[in-house]
Structures are given as structure tokens and as C-alpha cells.
């Protein structure tokens, strides 16, 4: 088995462990991949660190991994980073950055980002209030 196939198998196993809530096992499998720049592993490591799943909660490291996934245009990484900026979780609240992250994830068709961005347009949070744009985004998300 070549190194690439081995990495893919490790990623699949790490995701399976995550999905079945074996977080400590998932962390062991995904941590080396996240450190090697694998966006999906980075995103899932961020979620586990953010919520203390299988490890001690660490917002700074969660932010680090979420940013790394987002930098690779990983839709869920962008969405997660958007929420960190929106809620001020591990980072100073920044509605402009949050809207930018949600917009990039929404451009990839992520329904959660479309609805969050729509809500931000409704409230004028990080963007100019625009009810027409909010409705357009809600519609795109299937509402």
C-alpha cells in the first residue's frame, strides 16, 4: 500500500471514529493528518478541541485548526470559523470576518452558511441590512 492510500485509509478511519463518537481514537488518527495539512482532519480536530470531545477543550488550538481548514476553502471549516467570529469563541467577535467566511461557504452551497448569512443580512450584522438579499439567500438554502 502506498503512502497516499495509507493516509486515505487513516483519514477514513479517523472520520468513522469521529462519526461513531470514539473521539479519543479519532484524535489519534486525525491529529497527524491535520498537522500534515489535511483540511478534513483539521476541521474535525477543531470541532473536538472546541467542544472537549476526547480531549481537553482548547479554544486557541481549535481556532488554529479551523483557520487552517478555512484557508484551504474547506466549506465546513469556513462555516465553523464564521461561527467562531460571530460568537467570539476563541477569537474577538468580528461580524465582517464572520460574514466573509459564511459567504465563502455559502458559495459552495452550504445550506447552514446560506441561512446564517441571510440572518446577518436581515439584522445588518457585518453587512448592510438588505432584506431582499436575505430572502434570496433563504430561498437558495431551500426555505
Protein backbone atom coordinates (compact mmCIF):
# COMPACT_ATOMS: atom_id res chain seq x y z
CA UNK A 1 0.00 0.00 0.00
CA UNK A 2 1.45 3.39 -0.97
CA UNK A 3 1.67 6.35 1.41
CA UNK A 4 -1.31 8.12 -0.21
CA UNK A 5 -3.58 5.08 0.18
CA UNK A 6 -2.41 4.69 3.76
CA UNK A 7 -3.27 8.36 4.51
CA UNK A 8 -6.69 7.98 2.90
CA UNK A 9 -7.38 4.88 4.99
CA UNK A 10 -6.22 6.69 8.15
CA UNK A 11 -8.49 9.65 7.28
CA UNK A 12 -11.47 7.35 6.63
CA UNK A 13 -10.85 5.53 9.92
CA UNK A 14 -10.50 8.82 11.79
CA UNK A 15 -13.76 10.13 10.31
CA UNK A 16 -15.54 6.85 11.13
CA UNK A 17 -14.29 7.05 14.73
CA UNK A 18 -15.48 10.69 14.91
CA UNK A 19 -18.92 9.83 13.49
CA UNK A 20 -19.36 6.96 15.98
CA UNK A 21 -18.24 9.23 18.83
CA UNK A 22 -14.94 7.43 19.52
CA UNK A 23 -13.29 10.82 19.85
CA UNK A 24 -10.04 9.76 21.55
CA UNK A 25 -9.41 7.24 18.76
CA UNK A 26 -10.43 9.81 16.13
CA UNK A 27 -7.99 12.32 17.61
CA UNK A 28 -5.12 9.80 17.46
CA UNK A 29 -5.84 9.07 13.80
CA UNK A 30 -6.61 12.62 12.64
CA UNK A 31 -4.05 14.66 14.59
CA UNK A 32 -1.02 13.65 12.45
CA UNK A 33 -3.04 14.21 9.25
CA UNK A 34 -4.20 17.63 10.48
CA UNK A 35 -0.59 18.56 11.18
CA UNK A 36 0.29 17.48 7.62
CA UNK A 37 -2.32 19.88 6.22
CA UNK A 38 -5.33 17.61 5.58
CA UNK A 39 -8.33 20.03 5.67
CA UNK A 40 -10.99 17.50 6.71
CA UNK A 41 -8.77 16.29 9.57
CA UNK A 42 -8.12 19.90 10.60
CA UNK A 43 -11.84 20.66 10.64
CA UNK A 44 -12.68 17.62 12.78
CA UNK A 45 -9.76 18.27 15.15
CA UNK A 46 -11.09 21.83 15.57
CA UNK A 47 -14.56 20.51 16.46
CA UNK A 48 -13.16 18.09 19.04
CA UNK A 49 -10.91 20.75 20.58
CA UNK A 50 -13.70 23.33 20.56
CA UNK A 51 -16.05 21.03 22.45
CA UNK A 52 -13.63 18.97 24.55
CA UNK A 53 -14.52 15.73 22.76
CA UNK A 54 -11.98 13.02 23.58
CA UNK A 55 -9.54 15.67 24.84
CA UNK A 56 -9.35 18.77 26.97
CA UNK A 57 -11.18 21.75 25.45
CA UNK A 58 -8.69 24.14 23.83
CA UNK A 59 -10.20 27.14 22.02
CA UNK A 60 -6.84 28.50 20.81
CA UNK A 61 -5.89 25.23 19.14
CA UNK A 62 -9.45 24.81 17.83
CA UNK A 63 -9.17 28.24 16.21
CA UNK A 64 -5.78 27.29 14.73
CA UNK A 65 -7.12 24.15 13.06
CA UNK A 66 -10.37 25.82 11.94
CA UNK A 67 -8.37 28.62 10.31
CA UNK A 68 -6.10 26.08 8.59
CA UNK A 69 -9.13 24.23 7.17
CA UNK A 70 -10.76 27.52 6.11
CA UNK A 71 -7.56 28.66 4.38
CA UNK A 72 -7.95 25.60 2.14
CA UNK A 73 -11.51 26.70 1.29
CA UNK A 74 -13.00 23.77 3.23
CA UNK A 75 -16.73 24.63 3.37
CA UNK A 76 -17.37 23.36 6.90
CA UNK A 77 -14.09 24.88 8.08
CA UNK A 78 -15.21 28.24 6.72
CA UNK A 79 -18.63 27.81 8.36
CA UNK A 80 -17.04 26.87 11.69
CA UNK A 81 -14.62 29.79 11.56
CA UNK A 82 -17.54 32.08 10.72
CA UNK A 83 -19.31 30.98 13.90
CA UNK A 84 -16.18 31.48 15.96
CA UNK A 85 -16.03 35.09 14.73
CA UNK A 86 -19.80 35.52 15.11
CA UNK A 87 -19.83 34.26 18.71
CA UNK A 88 -16.38 35.48 19.76
CA UNK A 89 -15.35 31.90 20.51
CA UNK A 90 -11.56 31.74 20.95
CA UNK A 91 -11.30 34.97 18.98
CA UNK A 92 -12.55 38.57 19.22
CA UNK A 93 -16.05 38.97 17.74
CA UNK A 94 -15.79 40.21 14.19
CA UNK A 95 -19.03 40.30 12.19
CA UNK A 96 -17.26 41.37 8.98
CA UNK A 97 -14.95 38.35 9.08
CA UNK A 98 -17.87 36.11 10.06
CA UNK A 99 -19.92 37.30 7.06
CA UNK A 100 -16.94 36.76 4.77
CA UNK A 101 -16.47 33.18 6.00
CA UNK A 102 -20.19 32.39 5.67
CA UNK A 103 -20.22 33.93 2.17
CA UNK A 104 -17.34 31.71 1.03
CA UNK A 105 -19.01 28.59 2.45
CA UNK A 106 -22.39 29.66 1.00
CA UNK A 107 -20.74 29.98 -2.42
CA UNK A 108 -20.03 26.26 -2.09
CA UNK A 109 -23.74 25.64 -1.43
CA UNK A 110 -23.57 25.01 2.33
CA UNK A 111 -27.17 25.50 3.50
CA UNK A 112 -26.21 26.39 7.08
CA UNK A 113 -23.97 29.18 5.83
CA UNK A 114 -26.65 30.43 3.45
CA UNK A 115 -29.21 30.70 6.28
CA UNK A 116 -26.73 32.27 8.72
CA UNK A 117 -25.66 34.81 6.12
CA UNK A 118 -29.33 35.51 5.32
CA UNK A 119 -29.95 36.17 9.01
CA UNK A 120 -26.98 38.53 9.10
CA UNK A 121 -28.45 40.45 6.13
CA UNK A 122 -31.80 40.59 7.94
CA UNK A 123 -30.16 42.09 11.02
CA UNK A 124 -27.50 44.15 9.26
CA UNK A 125 -24.80 42.26 11.16
CA UNK A 126 -21.40 42.62 9.47
CA UNK A 127 -23.18 43.55 6.22
CA UNK A 128 -25.52 46.35 5.19
CA UNK A 129 -29.08 45.39 6.10
CA UNK A 130 -30.72 44.06 2.94
CA UNK A 131 -34.00 42.17 3.28
CA UNK A 132 -34.10 41.30 -0.44
CA UNK A 133 -30.66 39.67 -0.21
CA UNK A 134 -31.77 37.86 2.96
CA UNK A 135 -34.80 36.44 1.12
CA UNK A 136 -32.67 35.42 -1.86
CA UNK A 137 -30.25 33.56 0.41
CA UNK A 138 -33.05 31.86 2.36
CA UNK A 139 -34.54 30.73 -0.95
CA UNK A 140 -31.18 29.37 -2.12
CA UNK A 141 -30.97 27.42 1.16
CA UNK A 142 -34.36 25.85 0.45
CA UNK A 143 -36.60 27.94 2.70
